[in-house]
C-alpha cells in the first residue's frame, strides 16, 4: 500500500513513537496515510489504542525483522 509520510521511530521507547505519530498526523490532510516504524515492544498495544482514542484508522500492522510497521489513516 502507498503511504504519504513515514516516521522511523526505531530505537525509541514508549511514549515517543505514539507522540511522534500524533504530532505528524495533526499536520497531515484528512485521509492521508502515515507509515510508522517502531521497535518498542509496547507499540503493539500503544499504537492501536492511540488510533482508537484519536479516531484514526489503523489500516495494517506488519513485522519487518525486529520492527513493527503500522499504516495509519488520518481522520
Protein backbone atom coordinates (compact mmCIF):
# COMPACT_ATOMS: atom_id res chain seq x y z
CA UNK A 1 0.00 0.00 0.00
CA UNK A 2 1.11 3.56 -0.68
CA UNK A 3 1.65 6.00 2.19
CA UNK A 4 2.06 9.78 2.26
CA UNK A 5 4.56 10.22 5.09
CA UNK A 6 6.79 8.00 7.20
CA UNK A 7 8.24 8.10 10.70
CA UNK A 8 11.17 5.88 11.63
CA UNK A 9 10.83 5.51 15.40
CA UNK A 10 13.21 2.55 15.69
CA UNK A 11 15.07 2.63 18.98
CA UNK A 12 12.55 4.97 20.63
CA UNK A 13 10.65 3.77 23.69
CA UNK A 14 7.14 4.47 24.92
CA UNK A 15 5.60 7.00 24.59
CA UNK A 16 7.80 8.56 21.89
CA UNK A 17 6.58 6.56 18.84
CA UNK A 18 2.95 7.48 19.57
CA UNK A 19 3.80 11.10 20.40
CA UNK A 20 5.70 11.47 17.11
CA UNK A 21 2.80 9.88 15.22
CA UNK A 22 0.28 12.18 16.90
CA UNK A 23 2.28 15.28 16.02
CA UNK A 24 2.82 14.22 12.40
CA UNK A 25 -0.81 13.18 11.87
CA UNK A 26 -2.06 16.52 13.18
CA UNK A 27 -0.31 18.25 10.27
CA UNK A 28 -1.49 15.82 7.60
CA UNK A 29 -4.60 16.10 5.44
CA UNK A 30 -7.66 14.04 6.30
CA UNK A 31 -7.40 10.65 4.59
CA UNK A 32 -3.60 10.79 4.31
CA UNK A 33 -1.66 7.69 5.40
CA UNK A 34 1.28 7.62 7.81
CA UNK A 35 3.73 4.71 7.90
CA UNK A 36 5.17 4.29 11.40
CA UNK A 37 8.17 2.02 12.00
CA UNK A 38 8.75 1.10 15.65
CA UNK A 39 10.82 -1.37 17.64
CA UNK A 40 9.32 -0.57 21.05
CA UNK A 41 7.66 -3.75 22.41
CA UNK A 42 4.85 -1.62 23.89
CA UNK A 43 3.94 -0.22 20.46
CA UNK A 44 1.79 -3.29 19.72
CA UNK A 45 -0.53 -2.05 22.48
CA UNK A 46 0.07 1.71 22.30
CA UNK A 47 -0.44 2.31 18.58
CA UNK A 48 -3.84 0.55 18.25
CA UNK A 49 -5.00 2.24 21.47
CA UNK A 50 -3.88 5.66 20.21
CA UNK A 51 -5.69 5.14 16.89
CA UNK A 52 -8.90 4.10 18.63
CA UNK A 53 -8.80 7.02 21.06
CA UNK A 54 -7.89 9.63 18.42
CA UNK A 55 -10.31 8.29 15.81
CA UNK A 56 -7.69 7.37 13.22
CA UNK A 57 -7.86 4.17 11.17
CA UNK A 58 -5.18 1.56 11.80
CA UNK A 59 -5.09 0.14 8.28
CA UNK A 60 -2.50 -2.58 8.81
CA UNK A 61 0.27 -3.90 11.00
CA UNK A 62 3.20 -5.99 9.88
CA UNK A 63 6.63 -7.08 11.04
CA UNK A 64 9.91 -6.49 9.22
CA UNK A 65 12.70 -8.13 11.18
CA UNK A 66 12.66 -6.66 14.69
CA UNK A 67 10.43 -3.72 13.66
CA UNK A 68 6.67 -3.36 13.58
CA UNK A 69 5.17 -1.42 10.68
CA UNK A 70 1.89 0.46 11.16
CA UNK A 71 -0.16 2.18 8.47
CA UNK A 72 -2.45 4.81 9.97
CA UNK A 73 -5.04 6.83 8.04
CA UNK A 74 -5.78 10.27 9.47
CA UNK A 75 -9.42 11.03 10.23
